[in-house]
Amino acid sequence: MEVITIPGSLDGQSVDGFFDRVTEAPTGRALFDGRHVRWVDPNGMVGLLTGGAVAGERTGALPRLELPENPDVLGYLSRMGFFQEARSIFEFDDRVPRRSGGSSDVLLEITPVRANVDVHEVVNRVQSRSGAILASRLGYPAASVVQFSVILSEVCQNIIEHAESPGWVAAQAYNWSRRLGRWVVVISVMDLGRGFRGSLGSEHAARYGDRWSDATALEAAFLHGLTRFPDSGRGQGIQQIRRQVQRWNGAITIRSGSARIGQVPEWDDTPPLVDGLAPFPGAQISIVLPARAAGSPEGAG
């Protein structure tokens, strides 16, 4: 059995390395060793599901998941609905705590996205919770609830329209006291579909010729607004998301295939473009929205 060690802190900063290890692992049945995980965020939880699905598809056998020994981590995974989704992806023991109600800062537990009805369900659930959290934790105005819902709707719709494969979404508010000194909302949306190069290839690959790659496809969509549609004005979801995240001084990164691109605010030191990653299927989107800084205009970060 091939061992894939899960980082002690599995979040937006470490998940790329985790994906690389999954992709580069030998083809034997995998064992995901999560015994020493002490922290996991939406990117880590959804990324673990995604990585397990990739390993299972590659070998034809469900990988084994060694659960975290930390009871707080186990409880958090249970509250976020991780184990409900993981049962079809991993084999694991029965040390799973009974699922209790989510914490008051959970905007959205891990939710599968397979059809348009799932997107509508996501938006409905978030609208009922996000107002209080966005106002109390982030200091956003009441109107931001609608804008936040649009962001979630667009990133989930991206799975339906482009990936042609199931995916997952999750979101929660955290106090980044050490890293940023403010509350943030972390949103993670991942799928195992065609990725940006596959989605855009039939319409745009020819014009780029030998330069067409995962990185080029991400730049085309993220920076230049190119879509899979031949007529302009359609499929502008990524551009809408990027503009709104920028208004809130947030960060957004998208990994697809062997590349990752991002919109990086001054508080984040993530490189805006990374190429040469181990090829990983689908697209993985992470969004971080920070609380308004003191004295900033309404709706700004």
Protein backbone atom coordinates (compact mmCIF):
# COMPACT_ATOMS: atom_id res chain seq x y z
CA MET A 1 0.00 0.00 0.00
CA GLU A 2 1.40 3.39 -1.02
CA VAL A 3 1.45 5.95 1.83
CA ILE A 4 0.51 9.56 1.15
CA THR A 5 1.20 11.69 4.22
CA ILE A 6 -1.32 14.47 4.80
CA PRO A 7 0.30 17.70 6.07
CA GLY A 8 -0.27 18.60 9.70
CA SER A 9 -1.91 21.79 8.52
CA LEU A 10 -3.97 21.16 5.39
CA ASP A 11 -5.23 24.46 4.02
CA GLY A 12 -4.95 26.78 1.04
CA GLN A 13 -1.20 27.17 1.52
CA SER A 14 -0.35 23.47 1.69
CA VAL A 15 -2.97 21.84 -0.53
CA ASP A 16 -0.92 22.27 -3.74
CA GLY A 17 1.89 20.18 -2.28
CA PHE A 18 -0.66 17.58 -1.19
CA PHE A 19 -2.10 17.40 -4.73
CA ASP A 20 1.41 16.96 -6.11
CA ARG A 21 2.04 14.02 -3.78
CA VAL A 22 -1.24 12.39 -4.80
CA THR A 23 -0.42 12.78 -8.49
CA GLU A 24 3.16 11.56 -8.16
CA ALA A 25 2.34 8.55 -5.95
CA PRO A 26 2.81 5.07 -7.44
CA THR A 27 -0.22 3.33 -8.86
CA GLY A 28 -0.76 0.90 -6.00
CA ARG A 29 -3.65 1.26 -3.57
CA ALA A 30 -3.10 4.39 -1.48
CA LEU A 31 -3.15 4.96 2.25
CA PHE A 32 -3.74 8.59 3.24
CA ASP A 33 -2.06 9.08 6.61
CA GLY A 34 -3.93 11.87 8.41
CA ARG A 35 -3.10 10.84 11.96
CA HIS A 36 -1.10 14.00 12.68
CA VAL A 37 -3.42 16.55 11.11
CA ARG A 38 -3.98 19.35 13.61
CA TRP A 39 -5.66 21.93 11.39
CA VAL A 40 -7.80 21.79 8.26
CA ASP A 41 -9.85 24.47 6.49
CA PRO A 42 -12.41 24.26 3.62
CA ASN A 43 -9.59 23.99 1.06
CA GLY A 44 -8.07 21.13 3.01
CA MET A 45 -11.31 19.23 3.50
CA VAL A 46 -12.50 19.56 -0.07
CA GLY A 47 -8.95 18.95 -1.29
CA LEU A 48 -8.78 15.71 0.69
CA LEU A 49 -11.99 14.48 -0.92
CA THR A 50 -10.65 15.47 -4.33
CA GLY A 51 -7.29 13.81 -3.77
CA GLY A 52 -8.92 10.61 -2.52
CA ALA A 53 -11.20 10.49 -5.55
CA VAL A 54 -8.21 10.85 -7.88
CA ALA A 55 -6.31 8.08 -6.11
CA GLY A 56 -9.32 5.77 -6.18
CA GLU A 57 -9.98 6.34 -9.85
CA ARG A 58 -6.34 5.70 -10.71
CA THR A 59 -6.11 2.38 -8.87
CA GLY A 60 -9.69 1.14 -9.07
CA ALA A 61 -9.74 0.61 -5.29
CA LEU A 62 -10.91 2.88 -2.49
CA PRO A 63 -7.90 4.36 -0.69
CA ARG A 64 -7.56 3.92 3.06
CA LEU A 65 -7.80 7.04 5.26
CA GLU A 66 -6.11 7.04 8.66
CA LEU A 67 -8.15 9.56 10.65
CA PRO A 68 -6.66 12.43 12.67
CA GLU A 69 -5.84 11.56 16.26
CA ASN A 70 -6.80 15.06 17.42
CA PRO A 71 -10.43 14.88 18.66
CA ASP A 72 -11.05 18.55 17.87
CA VAL A 73 -10.12 17.97 14.23
CA LEU A 74 -12.34 14.89 14.09
CA GLY A 75 -15.24 16.85 15.55
CA TYR A 76 -14.76 19.69 13.10
CA LEU A 77 -14.65 17.33 10.12
CA SER A 78 -17.89 15.77 11.36
CA ARG A 79 -19.64 19.12 11.81
CA MET A 80 -18.63 20.16 8.30
CA GLY A 81 -20.12 16.99 6.78
CA PHE A 82 -16.79 15.61 5.63
CA PHE A 83 -17.47 11.99 6.57
CA GLN A 84 -20.83 11.94 4.81
CA GLU A 85 -19.05 12.68 1.53
CA ALA A 86 -15.93 10.63 2.36
CA ARG A 87 -17.78 7.31 2.74
CA SER A 88 -17.95 6.87 -1.03
CA ILE A 89 -14.29 7.86 -1.51
CA PHE A 90 -12.31 6.31 1.37
CA GLU A 91 -12.26 3.35 3.66
CA PHE A 92 -11.79 4.42 7.29
CA ASP A 93 -12.44 3.09 10.79
CA ASP A 94 -15.42 3.77 13.00
CA ARG A 95 -13.87 6.51 15.15
CA VAL A 96 -16.18 9.01 13.52
CA PRO A 97 -18.00 11.24 16.00
CA ARG A 98 -21.70 11.74 15.53
CA ARG A 99 -22.39 14.81 13.46
CA SER A 100 -23.61 17.77 15.49
CA GLY A 101 -24.85 21.18 14.47
CA GLY A 102 -22.32 23.35 12.66
CA SER A 103 -20.63 26.23 14.45
CA SER A 104 -22.11 29.69 14.15
CA ASP A 105 -19.30 30.69 11.77
CA VAL A 106 -20.02 27.98 9.18
CA LEU A 107 -21.55 29.49 6.07
CA LEU A 108 -21.73 26.23 4.13
CA GLU A 109 -20.85 22.67 5.09
CA ILE A 110 -19.22 20.49 2.44
CA THR A 111 -21.85 20.24 -0.28
CA PRO A 112 -21.68 18.19 -3.50
CA VAL A 113 -22.43 20.02 -6.73
CA ARG A 114 -23.69 17.78 -9.53
CA ALA A 115 -26.57 19.66 -11.13
CA ASN A 116 -28.18 23.10 -11.31
CA VAL A 117 -30.53 22.20 -8.46
CA ASP A 118 -27.48 21.83 -6.21
CA VAL A 119 -26.35 25.37 -7.07
CA HIS A 120 -29.77 26.76 -6.13
CA GLU A 121 -29.65 24.83 -2.84
CA VAL A 122 -26.20 26.24 -2.05
CA VAL A 123 -27.37 29.81 -2.63
CA ASN A 124 -30.52 29.34 -0.56
CA ARG A 125 -28.61 27.87 2.36
CA VAL A 126 -25.94 30.56 2.32
CA GLN A 127 -28.39 33.45 2.10
CA SER A 128 -30.01 32.34 5.33
CA ARG A 129 -26.69 32.44 7.21
CA SER A 130 -24.36 34.85 5.47
CA GLY A 131 -26.00 38.13 6.46
CA ALA A 132 -25.17 37.86 10.14
CA ILE A 133 -21.66 36.51 9.55
CA LEU A 134 -20.71 39.01 6.86
CA ALA A 135 -21.96 41.88 9.03
CA SER A 136 -20.69 40.77 12.45
CA ARG A 137 -17.39 39.15 11.45
CA LEU A 138 -16.40 41.05 8.30
CA GLY A 139 -18.21 44.36 8.75
CA TYR A 140 -19.78 44.19 5.29
CA PRO A 141 -23.01 46.09 4.50
CA ALA A 142 -26.33 44.28 4.14
CA ALA A 143 -26.18 44.51 0.34
CA SER A 144 -23.08 42.30 0.34
CA VAL A 145 -25.25 39.22 0.97
CA VAL A 146 -26.50 39.33 -2.60
CA GLN A 147 -23.01 39.88 -4.00
CA PHE A 148 -21.64 37.05 -1.89
CA SER A 149 -24.40 34.75 -3.14
CA VAL A 150 -23.53 35.67 -6.73
CA ILE A 151 -19.90 34.68 -6.14
CA LEU A 152 -20.93 31.30 -4.76
CA SER A 153 -23.42 30.74 -7.54
CA GLU A 154 -20.87 31.51 -10.24
CA VAL A 155 -18.10 29.30 -8.87
CA CYS A 156 -20.53 26.41 -8.44
CA GLN A 157 -22.00 26.97 -11.89
CA ASN A 158 -18.48 26.70 -13.26
CA ILE A 159 -18.55 23.03 -12.21
CA ILE A 160 -21.82 22.36 -14.01
CA GLU A 161 -21.00 24.19 -17.24
CA HIS A 162 -17.28 23.55 -17.69
CA ALA A 163 -16.14 20.59 -15.63
CA GLU A 164 -18.75 18.05 -16.74
CA SER A 165 -17.88 16.28 -13.50
CA PRO A 166 -19.08 16.45 -9.90
CA GLY A 167 -17.44 18.74 -7.39
CA TRP A 168 -17.73 20.12 -3.86
CA VAL A 169 -18.03 23.50 -2.17
CA ALA A 170 -17.55 24.63 1.44
CA ALA A 171 -17.21 27.99 3.23
CA GLN A 172 -16.49 29.21 6.74
CA ALA A 173 -15.41 32.32 8.63
CA TYR A 174 -12.19 32.28 10.66
CA ASN A 175 -10.25 34.71 12.82
CA TRP A 176 -6.84 35.00 11.14
CA SER A 177 -5.40 36.75 14.17
CA ARG A 178 -1.78 35.79 13.49
CA ARG A 179 -1.66 35.84 9.72
CA LEU A 180 -3.80 38.90 8.98
CA GLY A 181 -5.14 40.21 12.27
CA ARG A 182 -8.69 40.11 10.94
CA TRP A 183 -11.61 37.77 10.33
CA VAL A 184 -11.86 36.20 6.90
CA VAL A 185 -14.28 34.02 4.98
CA VAL A 186 -12.65 31.08 3.18
CA ILE A 187 -14.49 29.54 0.21
CA SER A 188 -13.32 26.39 -1.56
CA VAL A 189 -14.78 24.94 -4.76
CA MET A 190 -13.14 21.96 -6.48
CA ASP A 191 -14.00 19.48 -9.22
CA LEU A 192 -12.36 16.63 -11.13
CA GLY A 193 -13.44 17.62 -14.61
CA ARG A 194 -11.76 18.82 -17.78
CA GLY A 195 -10.00 21.84 -16.33
CA PHE A 196 -9.63 25.19 -18.05
CA ARG A 197 -7.41 23.95 -20.87
CA GLY A 198 -9.92 21.24 -21.74
CA SER A 199 -12.91 23.55 -21.49
CA LEU A 200 -11.41 26.35 -23.59
CA GLY A 201 -9.36 24.25 -25.99
CA SER A 202 -11.85 23.73 -28.81
CA GLU A 203 -12.48 27.47 -29.13
CA HIS A 204 -9.06 28.98 -28.42
CA ALA A 205 -6.22 26.44 -28.63
CA ALA A 206 -5.58 27.00 -32.34
CA ARG A 207 -4.80 30.69 -31.96
CA TYR A 208 -2.14 29.94 -29.32
CA GLY A 209 -0.56 27.04 -31.17
CA ASP A 210 2.37 25.48 -29.34
CA ARG A 211 1.96 27.97 -26.49
CA TRP A 212 -1.38 26.44 -25.45
CA SER A 213 -1.01 25.01 -21.95
CA ASP A 214 -2.68 24.95 -18.55
CA ALA A 215 -1.02 28.25 -17.62
CA THR A 216 -2.00 29.89 -20.92
CA ALA A 217 -5.60 28.74 -20.55
CA LEU A 218 -5.80 30.13 -17.02
CA GLU A 219 -4.36 33.47 -18.16
CA ALA A 220 -6.80 33.58 -21.07
CA ALA A 221 -9.81 33.08 -18.80
CA PHE A 222 -8.65 34.88 -15.66
CA LEU A 223 -6.87 37.89 -17.14
CA HIS A 224 -8.42 38.31 -20.60
CA GLY A 225 -11.96 37.04 -20.08
CA LEU A 226 -11.89 34.40 -22.80
CA THR A 227 -14.60 31.77 -22.48
CA ARG A 228 -15.61 28.57 -24.22
CA PHE A 229 -18.29 30.48 -26.13
CA PRO A 230 -17.50 31.99 -29.53
CA ASP A 231 -19.63 35.07 -28.91
CA SER A 232 -18.47 37.67 -26.40
CA GLY A 233 -20.56 38.44 -23.35
CA ARG A 234 -21.30 34.84 -22.40
CA GLY A 235 -19.59 32.85 -19.69
CA GLN A 236 -18.11 35.85 -17.86
CA GLY A 237 -18.49 34.28 -14.42
CA ILE A 238 -14.77 34.16 -13.58
CA GLN A 239 -14.38 37.82 -14.47
CA GLN A 240 -17.37 38.80 -12.32
CA ILE A 241 -15.97 36.86 -9.39
CA ARG A 242 -12.52 38.36 -9.80
CA ARG A 243 -13.84 41.94 -9.89
CA GLN A 244 -16.01 41.46 -6.80
CA VAL A 245 -13.23 39.77 -4.84
CA GLN A 246 -10.95 42.67 -5.77
CA ARG A 247 -13.51 45.21 -4.51
CA TRP A 248 -13.42 43.46 -1.15
CA ASN A 249 -9.59 43.35 -1.15
CA GLY A 250 -9.80 39.57 -1.23
CA ALA A 251 -7.68 36.84 -2.77
CA ILE A 252 -8.70 34.29 -5.38
CA THR A 253 -6.56 31.48 -6.75
CA ILE A 254 -7.40 28.86 -9.37
CA ARG A 255 -5.41 25.70 -9.97
CA SER A 256 -6.04 23.73 -13.12
CA GLY A 257 -3.83 20.99 -14.47
CA SER A 258 -0.19 21.91 -13.86
CA ALA A 259 -0.67 25.63 -13.19
CA ARG A 260 -2.18 28.02 -10.67
CA ILE A 261 -3.12 31.66 -11.16
CA GLY A 262 -4.29 34.20 -8.64
CA GLN A 263 -5.32 37.72 -7.83
CA VAL A 264 -3.08 38.59 -4.92
CA PRO A 265 -3.80 41.56 -2.61
CA GLU A 266 -1.04 43.32 -0.69
CA TRP A 267 -1.63 41.21 2.44
CA ASP A 268 -0.95 37.92 0.61
CA ASP A 269 2.48 36.76 -0.58
CA THR A 270 1.17 34.00 -2.86
CA PRO A 271 2.83 34.12 -6.33
CA PRO A 272 0.33 35.35 -8.94
CA LEU A 273 1.25 32.56 -11.40
CA VAL A 274 2.81 29.17 -10.76
CA ASP A 275 3.55 26.66 -13.52
CA GLY A 276 5.13 23.23 -13.54
CA LEU A 277 2.96 21.68 -10.84
CA ALA A 278 2.16 17.99 -11.05
CA PRO A 279 -0.83 17.68 -13.44
CA PHE A 280 -4.03 17.36 -11.42
CA PRO A 281 -7.48 16.96 -12.98
CA GLY A 282 -10.25 19.55 -12.86
CA ALA A 283 -10.15 23.01 -11.32
CA GLN A 284 -9.62 24.04 -7.70
CA ILE A 285 -10.77 27.51 -6.69
CA SER A 286 -9.99 29.20 -3.38
CA ILE A 287 -11.37 32.58 -2.31
CA VAL A 288 -10.44 34.48 0.86
CA LEU A 289 -12.49 37.56 1.78
CA PRO A 290 -11.08 39.66 4.66
CA ALA A 291 -12.95 41.84 7.13
CA ARG A 292 -13.05 45.52 6.33
CA ALA A 293 -10.06 47.40 7.63
CA ALA A 294 -10.74 50.28 10.00
CA GLY A 295 -11.62 53.39 8.06
CA SER A 296 -12.15 51.63 4.73
CA PRO A 297 -15.25 52.51 2.65
CA GLU A 298 -18.30 50.28 2.85
CA GLY A 299 -17.82 46.97 1.10
CA ALA A 300 -14.07 47.39 0.79
CA GLY A 301 -11.45 45.32 2.51
